[in-house]
Protein backbone atom coordinates (compact mmCIF):
# COMPACT_ATOMS: atom_id res chain seq x y z
CA MET A 1 46.73 27.71 -18.21
CA SER A 2 44.73 28.42 -15.08
CA PRO A 3 44.33 25.29 -12.93
CA SER A 4 40.95 26.50 -11.65
CA ILE A 5 39.39 26.38 -15.12
CA PRO A 6 39.85 23.05 -16.88
CA MET A 7 39.95 23.06 -20.63
CA THR A 8 37.47 20.19 -20.95
CA ALA A 9 35.07 19.27 -18.15
CA GLN A 10 33.38 15.90 -17.92
CA ALA A 11 29.68 15.40 -18.58
CA ALA A 12 27.34 13.72 -16.10
CA ASP A 13 27.30 9.94 -15.80
CA PHE A 14 23.91 8.31 -16.48
CA SER A 15 25.19 4.72 -16.72
CA HIS A 16 23.34 3.61 -13.57
CA ASP A 17 19.95 5.07 -14.53
CA THR A 18 16.97 2.79 -15.07
CA TRP A 19 13.71 3.31 -16.97
CA TRP A 20 11.71 4.17 -13.86
CA LEU A 21 14.27 6.85 -12.93
CA TRP A 22 13.78 8.44 -16.35
CA VAL A 23 10.01 8.41 -15.88
CA LEU A 24 10.34 9.83 -12.37
CA LYS A 25 12.58 12.65 -13.56
CA ALA A 26 10.30 13.46 -16.51
CA VAL A 27 7.24 13.63 -14.24
CA PHE A 28 9.15 15.83 -11.81
CA ILE A 29 10.08 18.25 -14.62
CA LEU A 30 6.43 18.57 -15.71
CA VAL A 31 5.19 19.10 -12.13
CA PHE A 32 8.03 21.49 -11.30
CA LEU A 33 7.37 23.68 -14.35
CA ILE A 34 3.61 23.82 -13.81
CA ILE A 35 3.98 24.71 -10.12
CA SER A 36 6.65 27.29 -11.03
CA VAL A 37 4.30 28.88 -13.57
CA ILE A 38 1.53 29.12 -10.96
CA THR A 39 4.00 30.67 -8.53
CA ALA A 40 5.28 33.05 -11.21
CA LEU A 41 1.75 34.26 -11.95
CA TRP A 42 1.16 34.96 -8.27
CA VAL A 43 4.55 36.67 -7.79
CA GLU A 44 4.06 38.79 -10.92
CA ARG A 45 0.55 39.91 -10.01
CA ARG A 46 1.37 40.69 -6.40
CA GLY A 47 4.75 42.18 -7.29
CA LEU A 48 3.39 44.42 -10.04
CA ALA A 49 0.58 45.52 -7.73
CA ARG A 50 3.04 46.55 -5.03
CA MET A 51 5.28 48.34 -7.51
CA GLN A 52 2.27 50.22 -8.92
CA THR A 53 0.73 51.02 -5.49
CA ARG A 54 -2.32 48.78 -5.72
CA LEU A 55 -3.53 45.60 -4.06
CA GLY A 56 -3.56 42.95 -6.75
CA PRO A 57 -5.38 39.60 -6.30
CA ASN A 58 -6.21 39.09 -2.61
CA ARG A 59 -9.55 37.28 -2.50
CA VAL A 60 -9.07 33.73 -3.84
CA GLY A 61 -6.97 31.75 -1.38
CA PRO A 62 -4.38 33.07 1.09
CA LEU A 63 -2.88 36.33 -0.21
CA GLY A 64 -4.64 35.69 -3.52
CA PHE A 65 -2.51 32.62 -4.32
CA GLY A 66 -5.54 30.69 -5.54
CA GLN A 67 -6.29 33.18 -8.31
CA ALA A 68 -4.09 31.26 -10.77
CA PHE A 69 -6.10 28.08 -10.09
CA ALA A 70 -9.35 29.99 -10.64
CA ASP A 71 -8.03 31.32 -13.96
CA ALA A 72 -7.00 27.80 -15.03
CA LEU A 73 -10.48 26.49 -14.20
CA LYS A 74 -12.04 29.32 -16.18
CA LEU A 75 -9.94 28.45 -19.25
CA LEU A 76 -10.87 24.78 -18.92
CA ILE A 77 -14.64 25.38 -18.93
CA LYS A 78 -14.65 28.34 -21.34
CA GLU A 79 -16.21 27.86 -24.77
CA ASP A 80 -13.68 26.56 -27.27
CA PHE A 81 -14.52 28.03 -30.67
CA TRP A 82 -13.03 27.14 -34.05
CA LEU A 83 -12.60 29.69 -36.80
CA GLY A 84 -14.51 28.88 -39.96
CA GLY A 85 -11.77 29.97 -42.36
CA ALA A 86 -8.79 28.70 -40.39
CA ASP A 87 -6.51 25.83 -41.35
CA LYS A 88 -7.92 23.43 -38.75
CA VAL A 89 -4.91 21.10 -38.39
CA ILE A 90 -2.25 23.80 -38.06
CA TYR A 91 -4.61 25.97 -36.00
CA PHE A 92 -4.87 23.14 -33.45
CA LEU A 93 -1.23 21.99 -33.55
CA SER A 94 0.34 25.45 -33.15
CA PRO A 95 -0.24 25.83 -29.38
CA VAL A 96 0.69 22.17 -28.89
CA VAL A 97 4.04 22.68 -30.61
CA ALA A 98 4.74 25.84 -28.62
CA ALA A 99 3.97 24.16 -25.29
CA ALA A 100 5.76 20.88 -26.10
CA CYS A 101 8.99 22.65 -27.05
CA ALA A 102 8.81 24.83 -23.95
CA PHE A 103 8.51 21.79 -21.66
CA THR A 104 11.37 19.95 -23.44
CA VAL A 105 14.21 22.40 -22.75
CA MET A 106 14.60 21.57 -19.06
CA ALA A 107 15.36 17.93 -19.87
CA VAL A 108 19.08 18.69 -20.36
CA LEU A 109 19.54 21.27 -17.58
CA PRO A 110 21.21 19.98 -14.38
CA MET A 111 19.56 20.90 -11.08
CA GLY A 112 22.14 19.27 -8.81
CA PRO A 113 25.00 16.73 -8.46
CA ASP A 114 24.72 12.98 -8.08
CA VAL A 115 22.21 11.93 -5.41
CA SER A 116 20.78 8.66 -4.18
CA ILE A 117 17.19 7.91 -5.21
CA PHE A 118 15.88 4.63 -3.77
CA GLY A 119 19.42 3.27 -3.65
CA HIS A 120 20.40 4.35 -7.17
CA HIS A 121 23.04 7.04 -7.68
CA THR A 122 21.97 9.40 -10.46
CA PRO A 123 22.50 13.05 -11.46
CA LEU A 124 19.66 15.49 -10.84
CA GLN A 125 19.21 15.77 -14.59
CA LEU A 126 17.09 13.84 -17.07
CA ALA A 127 19.62 13.68 -19.92
CA ASP A 128 22.83 15.22 -21.22
CA SER A 129 24.84 15.19 -24.40
CA PRO A 130 28.11 16.62 -25.76
CA VAL A 131 25.88 18.95 -27.82
CA ALA A 132 23.18 19.58 -25.19
CA MET A 133 23.22 23.36 -25.65
CA LEU A 134 22.74 22.94 -29.40
CA PHE A 135 19.69 20.84 -28.54
CA VAL A 136 18.39 23.69 -26.36
CA LEU A 137 18.84 26.26 -29.13
CA ALA A 138 17.23 23.96 -31.70
CA VAL A 139 14.17 23.27 -29.53
CA ALA A 140 13.79 26.98 -28.74
CA ALA A 141 13.85 27.79 -32.46
CA LEU A 142 11.37 25.01 -33.20
CA GLY A 143 8.99 26.39 -30.59
CA GLU A 144 8.83 29.60 -32.56
CA TYR A 145 6.99 27.72 -35.31
CA GLY A 146 4.05 27.40 -32.95
CA LEU A 147 3.73 31.18 -32.73
CA VAL A 148 4.28 31.71 -36.46
CA PHE A 149 1.80 29.04 -37.58
CA GLY A 150 -0.69 30.14 -34.92
CA GLY A 151 -0.94 33.57 -36.52
CA TRP A 152 -0.79 32.29 -40.10
CA SER A 153 -3.39 29.53 -39.69
CA SER A 154 -5.95 31.95 -38.24
CA ARG A 155 -6.29 33.63 -41.66
CA SER A 156 -6.69 36.95 -39.84
CA THR A 157 -4.73 40.16 -40.36
CA LEU A 158 -3.60 41.11 -36.86
CA PRO A 159 -2.53 37.57 -35.82
CA LEU A 160 -0.53 37.34 -39.05
CA TYR A 161 1.22 40.62 -38.26
CA GLY A 162 2.02 39.30 -34.79
CA SER A 163 3.44 36.05 -36.14
CA VAL A 164 5.63 37.89 -38.67
CA ARG A 165 6.92 40.14 -35.92
CA SER A 166 7.61 37.09 -33.79
CA ALA A 167 9.63 35.43 -36.57
CA THR A 168 11.77 38.51 -37.24
CA GLN A 169 12.26 39.04 -33.53
CA MET A 170 13.33 35.43 -33.03
CA ILE A 171 15.84 35.57 -35.87
CA SER A 172 17.35 38.84 -34.64
CA TYR A 173 17.72 37.98 -30.98
CA GLU A 174 18.46 34.28 -31.46
CA LEU A 175 21.63 35.32 -33.29
CA ALA A 176 22.81 37.59 -30.48
CA LEU A 177 21.87 35.02 -27.84
CA GLY A 178 23.65 32.21 -29.70
CA LEU A 179 26.81 34.28 -30.17
CA SER A 180 26.89 35.09 -26.46
CA LEU A 181 26.76 31.35 -25.69
CA VAL A 182 29.54 30.47 -28.15
CA THR A 183 32.09 32.20 -25.90
CA VAL A 184 30.97 29.94 -23.06
CA PHE A 185 31.47 26.87 -25.26
CA LEU A 186 34.99 28.03 -26.09
CA THR A 187 36.02 28.53 -22.47
CA ALA A 188 34.35 25.33 -21.23
CA GLY A 189 35.62 23.20 -24.10
CA SER A 190 32.23 21.49 -24.26
CA MET A 191 28.57 22.10 -25.05
CA SER A 192 27.40 19.70 -22.36
CA THR A 193 25.36 21.51 -19.71
CA SER A 194 26.80 19.47 -16.82
CA ALA A 195 30.32 20.08 -18.14
CA ILE A 196 29.68 23.84 -18.31
CA VAL A 197 28.56 23.79 -14.66
CA GLU A 198 31.65 21.79 -13.73
CA GLN A 199 33.87 24.31 -15.56
CA GLN A 200 32.59 27.10 -13.27
CA THR A 201 33.96 25.48 -10.11
CA GLY A 202 36.54 28.24 -9.65
CA MET A 203 34.78 31.34 -10.99
CA TRP A 204 31.38 31.91 -12.57
CA ASN A 205 31.14 32.86 -16.24
CA CYS A 206 29.09 35.97 -15.43
CA ILE A 207 32.34 37.45 -14.09
CA THR A 208 34.91 36.21 -16.60
CA LEU A 209 32.53 36.55 -19.56
CA PHE A 210 30.56 39.60 -18.45
CA PRO A 211 30.02 41.11 -21.96
CA ALA A 212 28.46 37.83 -23.14
CA PHE A 213 26.37 37.74 -19.97
CA ALA A 214 25.09 41.27 -20.63
CA VAL A 215 24.17 40.42 -24.23
CA TYR A 216 22.35 37.29 -23.05
CA ILE A 217 20.32 39.22 -20.45
CA VAL A 218 19.02 41.64 -23.08
CA SER A 219 18.45 38.90 -25.65
CA MET A 220 16.42 36.72 -23.27
CA PHE A 221 13.80 39.47 -23.01
CA GLY A 222 13.49 39.48 -26.79
CA GLU A 223 13.33 35.66 -26.92
CA THR A 224 10.43 35.51 -24.47
CA ASN A 225 8.44 38.46 -25.88
CA ARG A 226 8.51 40.27 -22.55
CA LEU A 227 8.40 43.99 -21.93
CA PRO A 228 10.03 46.12 -23.19
CA PHE A 229 10.23 43.71 -26.17
CA ASP A 230 6.67 42.33 -26.33
CA LEU A 231 6.13 43.57 -29.90
CA PRO A 232 4.41 40.38 -31.20
CA GLU A 233 1.67 40.87 -28.60
CA ALA A 234 1.49 44.67 -28.51
CA GLU A 235 -2.13 45.08 -27.45
CA GLY A 236 -2.25 48.70 -28.59
CA GLU A 237 -1.39 47.63 -32.14
CA LEU A 238 -2.14 43.92 -32.61
CA VAL A 239 -4.73 43.16 -29.87
CA ALA A 240 -2.96 39.97 -28.68
CA GLY A 241 -0.82 39.09 -31.70
CA HIS A 242 -0.70 35.44 -32.76
CA SER A 243 -3.10 34.34 -29.98
CA THR A 244 -5.89 36.80 -30.83
CA GLU A 245 -8.13 34.16 -32.44
CA TYR A 246 -7.58 31.51 -29.76
CA SER A 247 -9.73 30.73 -26.73
CA SER A 248 -10.09 28.20 -23.90
CA MET A 249 -7.26 25.68 -23.56
CA LYS A 250 -5.70 26.45 -26.95
CA PHE A 251 -5.04 29.97 -25.67
CA ALA A 252 -3.94 28.53 -22.32
CA TRP A 253 -1.21 26.48 -24.03
CA PHE A 254 0.22 29.65 -25.59
CA TYR A 255 -0.04 31.44 -22.26
CA LEU A 256 1.60 28.54 -20.43
CA SER A 257 4.44 28.27 -22.95
CA GLU A 258 5.29 31.96 -22.48
CA TYR A 259 5.86 31.55 -18.76
CA VAL A 260 7.65 28.22 -19.15
CA ASN A 261 9.99 29.93 -21.63
CA MET A 262 10.65 32.60 -19.02
CA LEU A 263 11.72 29.84 -16.66
CA ASN A 264 13.78 28.21 -19.43
CA VAL A 265 15.86 31.29 -20.24
CA SER A 266 16.33 31.90 -16.51
CA MET A 267 17.51 28.33 -15.93
CA ILE A 268 19.83 28.51 -18.95
CA ALA A 269 21.34 31.75 -17.61
CA THR A 270 21.79 30.08 -14.22
CA THR A 271 23.44 27.03 -15.79
CA VAL A 272 25.68 28.84 -18.25
CA PHE A 273 26.66 32.02 -16.39
CA LEU A 274 25.88 31.67 -12.65
CA GLY A 275 27.55 28.38 -11.85
CA GLY A 276 24.40 26.28 -12.17
CA TRP A 277 23.57 24.40 -8.97
CA ARG A 278 26.85 25.35 -7.28
CA ALA A 279 26.66 27.63 -4.25
CA GLY A 280 28.47 30.95 -4.21
CA PRO A 281 31.60 31.52 -2.11
CA ILE A 282 29.65 33.21 0.72
CA ALA A 283 27.10 30.39 1.04
CA THR A 284 29.88 27.79 0.83
CA SER A 285 31.80 29.48 3.63
CA LEU A 286 28.73 29.74 5.85
CA PHE A 287 27.88 26.06 5.38
CA ASP A 288 31.51 25.08 6.04
CA LEU A 289 31.24 26.71 9.46
CA VAL A 290 28.57 24.20 10.47
CA GLY A 291 30.33 21.29 8.77
CA VAL A 292 27.90 20.92 5.83
CA ASP A 293 28.93 20.72 2.18
CA ALA A 294 26.81 23.27 0.29
CA ASN A 295 27.53 21.54 -3.03
CA ALA A 296 26.56 17.98 -2.12
CA GLY A 297 23.30 16.10 -1.79
CA TRP A 298 19.96 17.80 -2.36
CA ILE A 299 21.03 21.24 -1.10
CA PRO A 300 22.36 22.41 -4.53
CA MET A 301 18.83 22.19 -5.94
CA LEU A 302 17.96 25.07 -3.61
CA TRP A 303 20.74 27.24 -5.08
CA PHE A 304 19.59 26.41 -8.60
CA ILE A 305 15.98 27.44 -7.85
CA LEU A 306 17.05 30.62 -6.02
CA LYS A 307 19.27 31.74 -8.91
CA THR A 308 16.50 31.00 -11.41
CA TRP A 309 14.06 33.14 -9.46
CA VAL A 310 16.52 36.02 -9.38
CA PHE A 311 16.22 36.21 -13.17
CA MET A 312 12.45 35.71 -12.99
CA PHE A 313 12.13 38.66 -10.62
CA VAL A 314 14.30 40.81 -12.89
CA MET A 315 11.92 40.08 -15.79
CA ILE A 316 8.90 40.96 -13.65
CA TRP A 317 10.63 44.09 -12.40
CA ALA A 318 11.41 45.16 -15.99
CA ARG A 319 7.73 44.77 -16.91
CA ALA A 320 6.73 47.15 -14.12
CA THR A 321 9.47 49.66 -14.94
CA LEU A 322 10.09 49.90 -18.68
CA MET A 323 7.84 50.92 -21.55
CA ARG A 324 7.50 49.05 -24.83
CA MET A 325 10.14 49.95 -27.41
CA ARG A 326 9.27 51.18 -30.87
CA TYR A 327 9.67 48.40 -33.40
CA ASP A 328 12.38 50.04 -35.50
CA HIS A 329 14.39 50.86 -32.37
CA PHE A 330 13.95 47.29 -31.22
CA MET A 331 15.34 45.84 -34.47
CA LYS A 332 18.15 48.39 -34.51
CA LEU A 333 19.18 47.31 -31.01
CA GLY A 334 19.38 43.68 -32.13
CA TRP A 335 21.21 44.09 -35.44
CA LYS A 336 23.36 47.20 -34.82
CA VAL A 337 24.24 46.80 -31.15
CA LEU A 338 23.85 43.30 -29.70
CA ILE A 339 25.12 41.25 -32.66
CA PRO A 340 28.25 43.44 -33.29
CA VAL A 341 29.07 43.48 -29.56
CA ALA A 342 28.65 39.70 -29.33
CA LEU A 343 30.84 39.18 -32.42
CA ALA A 344 33.56 41.50 -31.09
CA TRP A 345 33.60 39.72 -27.74
CA LEU A 346 33.71 36.33 -29.49
CA VAL A 347 36.84 37.43 -31.40
CA ALA A 348 38.41 38.70 -28.16
CA VAL A 349 37.73 35.40 -26.35
CA THR A 350 39.15 33.44 -29.30
CA VAL A 351 42.36 35.49 -29.15
CA ILE A 352 42.57 34.97 -25.39
CA GLN A 353 42.17 31.21 -25.85
CA GLY A 354 45.04 31.20 -28.33
CA VAL A 355 47.31 33.35 -26.14
CA SER A 356 46.67 31.27 -23.00
CA ALA A 357 47.30 28.03 -24.89
CA PHE A 358 50.87 29.03 -25.87
CA THR A 359 51.87 31.09 -22.83
CA GLU A 360 51.90 30.71 -19.05
CA LEU A 361 49.36 33.50 -18.57
CA SER A 362 46.21 32.67 -16.64
CA ARG A 363 43.16 32.48 -18.85
CA SER A 364 40.82 33.73 -16.13
CA ASP A 365 43.03 36.79 -15.52
CA LEU A 366 43.16 37.50 -19.26
CA LEU A 367 39.39 37.21 -19.56
CA LEU A 368 38.84 39.56 -16.64
CA GLY A 369 41.31 42.13 -17.95
CA ILE A 370 40.05 42.08 -21.52
CA GLY A 371 36.45 42.05 -20.27
CA VAL A 372 36.98 45.22 -18.25
CA LEU A 373 38.66 46.96 -21.20
CA PHE A 374 35.88 45.78 -23.51
CA VAL A 375 33.12 47.13 -21.27
CA VAL A 376 34.94 50.47 -20.86
CA ALA A 377 35.38 50.71 -24.64
CA MET A 378 31.67 50.02 -25.23
CA ILE A 379 30.69 52.70 -22.70
CA LEU A 380 33.03 55.28 -24.26
CA LEU A 381 31.78 54.40 -27.73
CA TRP A 382 28.18 54.83 -26.57
CA ILE A 383 28.93 58.20 -24.94
CA PHE A 384 31.22 59.76 -27.55
CA GLY A 385 30.62 57.65 -30.66
CA GLY A 386 27.23 59.01 -31.68
CA GLU A 387 27.80 62.42 -33.20
CA THR A 388 24.74 64.62 -33.15
CA LYS A 389 23.71 66.38 -36.32
CA ASP A 390 21.51 69.30 -36.97
CA LYS A 391 18.20 68.41 -38.53
CA GLU A 392 19.24 70.21 -41.67
CA GLU A 393 22.09 67.67 -42.18
CA TYR A 394 19.89 64.57 -42.09
CA THR A 395 18.53 62.97 -45.21
CA ALA A 396 15.34 61.03 -45.68
CA ASP A 397 17.15 57.68 -45.32
CA GLU A 398 18.49 58.69 -41.89
CA GLY A 399 15.08 59.49 -40.50
CA PHE A 400 14.96 63.27 -40.97
CA ILE A 401 14.10 65.56 -43.83
CA ARG A 402 15.57 68.96 -44.56
CA PRO A 403 13.10 71.70 -43.69
CA SER A 404 13.46 73.02 -47.24
CA ASP A 405 12.17 69.76 -48.73
CA GLU A 406 8.57 69.83 -49.86
CA PHE A 407 6.19 67.48 -48.03
CA ASP A 408 3.06 66.02 -49.54
CA ALA A 409 0.98 64.22 -46.92
CA LEU A 410 -1.01 62.33 -49.60
CA ALA A 411 1.89 61.34 -51.86
CA GLY A 412 1.48 57.64 -51.04
CA GLY A 413 -2.26 57.61 -51.59
CA PHE A 414 -3.17 57.95 -47.92
CA PRO A 415 -2.44 60.64 -45.31
CA VAL A 416 0.78 60.31 -43.30
CA PRO A 417 2.09 62.57 -40.51
CA PRO A 418 5.16 64.74 -41.14
CA LEU A 419 8.59 63.54 -40.05
CA PRO A 420 10.82 65.65 -37.76
CA GLY A 421 11.94 68.68 -39.72
CA GLN A 422 8.94 68.63 -42.07
CA THR A 423 6.03 71.03 -41.95
CA LEU A 424 2.59 70.59 -43.39
CA PRO A 425 1.55 72.96 -46.18
CA PRO A 426 -1.13 75.52 -45.28
CA SER A 427 -4.65 74.16 -45.34
CA PRO A 428 -6.73 75.09 -48.42
CA ARG A 429 -9.63 75.90 -46.11
CA ALA A 430 -7.43 78.27 -44.16
CA SER A 431 -6.44 79.97 -47.42
CA ARG A 432 -10.09 80.37 -48.43
CA ARG A 433 -11.01 81.73 -45.01
CA GLU A 434 -8.18 84.23 -45.20
CA SER A 435 -9.29 85.36 -48.69
CA VAL A 436 -12.92 85.71 -47.54
CA SER A 437 -11.95 87.71 -44.48
CA THR A 438 -9.72 89.94 -46.61
CA THR A 439 -12.61 90.56 -49.03
CA GLU A 440 -14.99 91.37 -46.18
CA GLU A 441 -12.49 93.84 -44.70
CA ALA A 442 -12.09 95.48 -48.08
CA ASP A 443 -15.91 95.84 -48.45
CA ILE A 444 -16.15 97.42 -45.02
CA ASP A 445 -13.47 99.92 -45.85
């Protein structure tokens, strides 16, 4: 077994914490997330503006940084209406549930090692548990109820469609995301977040478990309803999805929870795949030159925040670059691509765990070798696996119709456009016009 990757890492020690330390950490988490959301709004607006060759907000505050505060003030003083036919209790509680669950996730994510706060040694983490990652997944799934009930309680058509889409999207991509994390649990020997960070002392999981890392990156876009996967809030189809009938601070809680969830998935990716608060080998070497430990004291919090913002920028960059996927393609990607790939990689990691346990082979070397072969196999399967067919060979179930098949646009009671390979029958008006013109030509002759 590789000495650089322990089978079971130890969780953080909170035995010296006191009640005021818990309160201090909880307040810090709330303030940190709110300030990060304000910063994310500014970075996204300015970044999207630069990517799209426009100015963006530049009037309120320096470089437009105060625009987020102006928007928050507007939401605070805006009229707060209540729908007459809505379920009042659930209508009110839905944004509260969404926001509360979003703010809870960071409680078990470590931002640094043990530090001294007013003479007390404590980890830079509010809480931890042997099943901390299960807690994260459970809270994330519970937060989805806020979106679902928000659309259902409005008693309106488009919000209901958005909430149904959100539920199906959560189920599809939560499975792929969870399967990608199971391989991390196997290699770390624990579901404790601090233990997973400790397990990555030698090499980060994004290298040894790259297929799981790739599946997680795609799944986190689906979990946060961000482009190109923002189907529950597709404004061209559903106006604003589940939040259409909300205003003032009730809408603000939904809006806030979306950006906090972006931070959550970014921090989880940092913790699980990018070594958490630990510095990379380059930063460690540079700090060693000046005699400073890059992984001690308060400095690791800087690495944690920088890594988190790398993922945040990738999500903003994707919004400026990619277009929204079609819903059937989106569901096909989740069920036919991400879940099978995650399952196949889970089986491969399980086999590697068994082989390394009974042989002298290094587990990290096995993971790297199998990971490279797995990625190459997926690329070859994607390039050569999909055999193209002529349109005549497709059936109706596969998305195409033979050109010889008859097509009735009103067969379902309402007009529908033809599918690829189908042609509309000639218009009756065109037939009458042709008969009239033929009769007129005959009279002239």
